[in-house]
Protein backbone atom coordinates (compact mmCIF):
# COMPACT_ATOMS: atom_id res chain seq x y z
CA VAL A 1 0.00 0.00 0.00
CA ARG A 2 1.01 3.61 -0.47
CA VAL A 3 1.16 5.59 2.76
CA ALA A 4 0.69 9.36 2.89
CA CYS A 5 3.91 11.25 3.60
CA GLY A 6 3.74 13.08 6.91
CA SER A 7 1.00 10.85 8.30
CA ARG A 8 1.07 9.20 11.71
CA LEU A 9 1.01 5.89 9.86
CA ALA A 10 4.11 6.77 7.83
CA ALA A 11 5.90 7.77 11.03
CA ALA A 12 4.86 4.56 12.77
CA LEU A 13 5.84 2.29 9.88
CA GLY A 14 8.96 4.23 8.98
CA ALA A 15 7.92 3.92 5.33
CA THR A 16 5.59 5.34 2.71
CA GLU A 17 5.14 2.10 0.82
CA VAL A 18 4.63 -1.27 2.49
CA CYS A 19 3.71 -4.78 1.51
CA VAL A 20 0.69 -5.88 3.56
CA MET A 21 -1.62 -8.86 3.94
CA SER A 22 -4.91 -7.43 2.79
CA TRP A 23 -8.09 -8.96 1.46
CA HIS A 24 -11.51 -7.35 1.59
CA HIS A 25 -15.17 -8.01 1.22
CA GLN A 26 -15.87 -4.54 2.63
CA ALA A 27 -14.05 -1.23 2.29
CA VAL A 28 -14.34 2.37 3.44
CA ASP A 29 -16.86 4.24 1.32
CA ALA A 30 -17.11 7.59 3.10
CA VAL A 31 -14.47 8.98 5.44
CA GLY A 32 -15.94 10.19 8.71
CA GLU A 33 -15.58 13.70 10.06
CA GLY A 34 -12.26 14.28 11.77
CA LEU A 35 -10.56 11.40 9.94
CA SER A 36 -8.24 11.39 6.97
CA VAL A 37 -7.08 8.66 4.63
CA SER A 38 -3.47 7.75 5.30
CA ALA A 39 -3.02 4.79 2.93
CA HIS A 40 -4.45 3.40 -0.31
CA ALA A 41 -4.03 0.15 -2.19
CA GLU A 42 -2.97 0.26 -5.84
CA ASP A 43 -6.63 -0.16 -6.84
CA GLY A 44 -7.64 2.92 -4.83
CA VAL A 45 -9.18 1.07 -1.88
CA VAL A 46 -8.69 2.94 1.39
CA GLU A 47 -6.31 0.89 3.52
CA ALA A 48 -5.84 3.19 6.53
CA LEU A 49 -7.48 6.09 8.34
CA GLU A 50 -6.25 8.30 11.13
CA THR A 51 -7.50 11.19 13.20
CA GLU A 52 -6.81 14.72 12.05
CA ASP A 53 -6.26 16.03 15.59
CA GLY A 54 -2.85 14.41 16.02
CA GLY A 55 -3.91 11.81 18.59
CA TRP A 56 -3.00 8.15 18.27
CA VAL A 57 -6.12 7.04 16.45
CA LEU A 58 -5.19 4.83 13.55
CA GLY A 59 -7.12 2.13 11.73
CA VAL A 60 -5.70 -0.20 9.11
CA GLN A 61 -7.61 -2.46 6.72
CA TRP A 62 -4.97 -5.17 6.72
CA HIS A 63 -3.58 -7.68 9.19
CA PRO A 64 -0.25 -6.43 10.58
CA GLU A 65 -0.34 -9.11 13.27
CA LEU A 66 0.09 -11.86 10.68
CA ASP A 67 3.61 -10.90 9.65
CA ALA A 68 4.87 -8.38 12.21
CA ARG A 69 7.83 -10.59 13.11
CA GLU A 70 9.01 -10.98 9.51
CA ASN A 71 8.02 -7.55 8.18
CA PRO A 72 9.81 -4.78 10.14
CA PRO A 73 7.39 -1.94 9.26
CA GLN A 74 4.49 -4.01 10.63
CA GLY A 75 6.42 -4.61 13.84
CA ARG A 76 7.13 -0.89 14.14
CA LEU A 77 3.38 -0.22 13.96
CA PHE A 78 2.92 -2.26 17.16
CA ASP A 79 5.97 -0.63 18.76
CA ASP A 80 4.56 2.84 18.04
CA PHE A 81 1.21 1.88 19.55
CA ALA A 82 2.91 0.46 22.66
CA ALA A 83 4.93 3.68 23.04
CA ALA A 84 1.74 5.76 22.76
CA VAL A 85 0.10 3.65 25.47
CA ALA A 86 3.15 4.02 27.72
CA ASN A 87 3.16 7.81 27.22
CA TRP A 88 -0.56 8.02 27.97
CA THR A 89 -0.15 5.89 31.10
CA ARG A 90 2.61 8.17 32.43
CA ARG A 91 0.39 11.23 31.96
CA LYS A 92 -2.58 9.81 33.87
CA PRO A 93 -3.14 11.47 37.27
């Protein structure tokens, strides 16, 4: 998939193009308010969305868990999420 430069997803993956395990019987038709598309498949299907407010809200339409150990960008996606959780936990009162 092609990942938007400057997106949270690109920062998390450390790449703007990644090979993913993706198969669909449903796809995003209309992007909700406050969200932006951060990745597309070659056929134009939306593969990822993220929040526009800069928070760690990120949804992917593929299965990064299936090859995260063999595919470094997929592993970095989980690492970035874990870091966001750790940062949030430290800020809690």
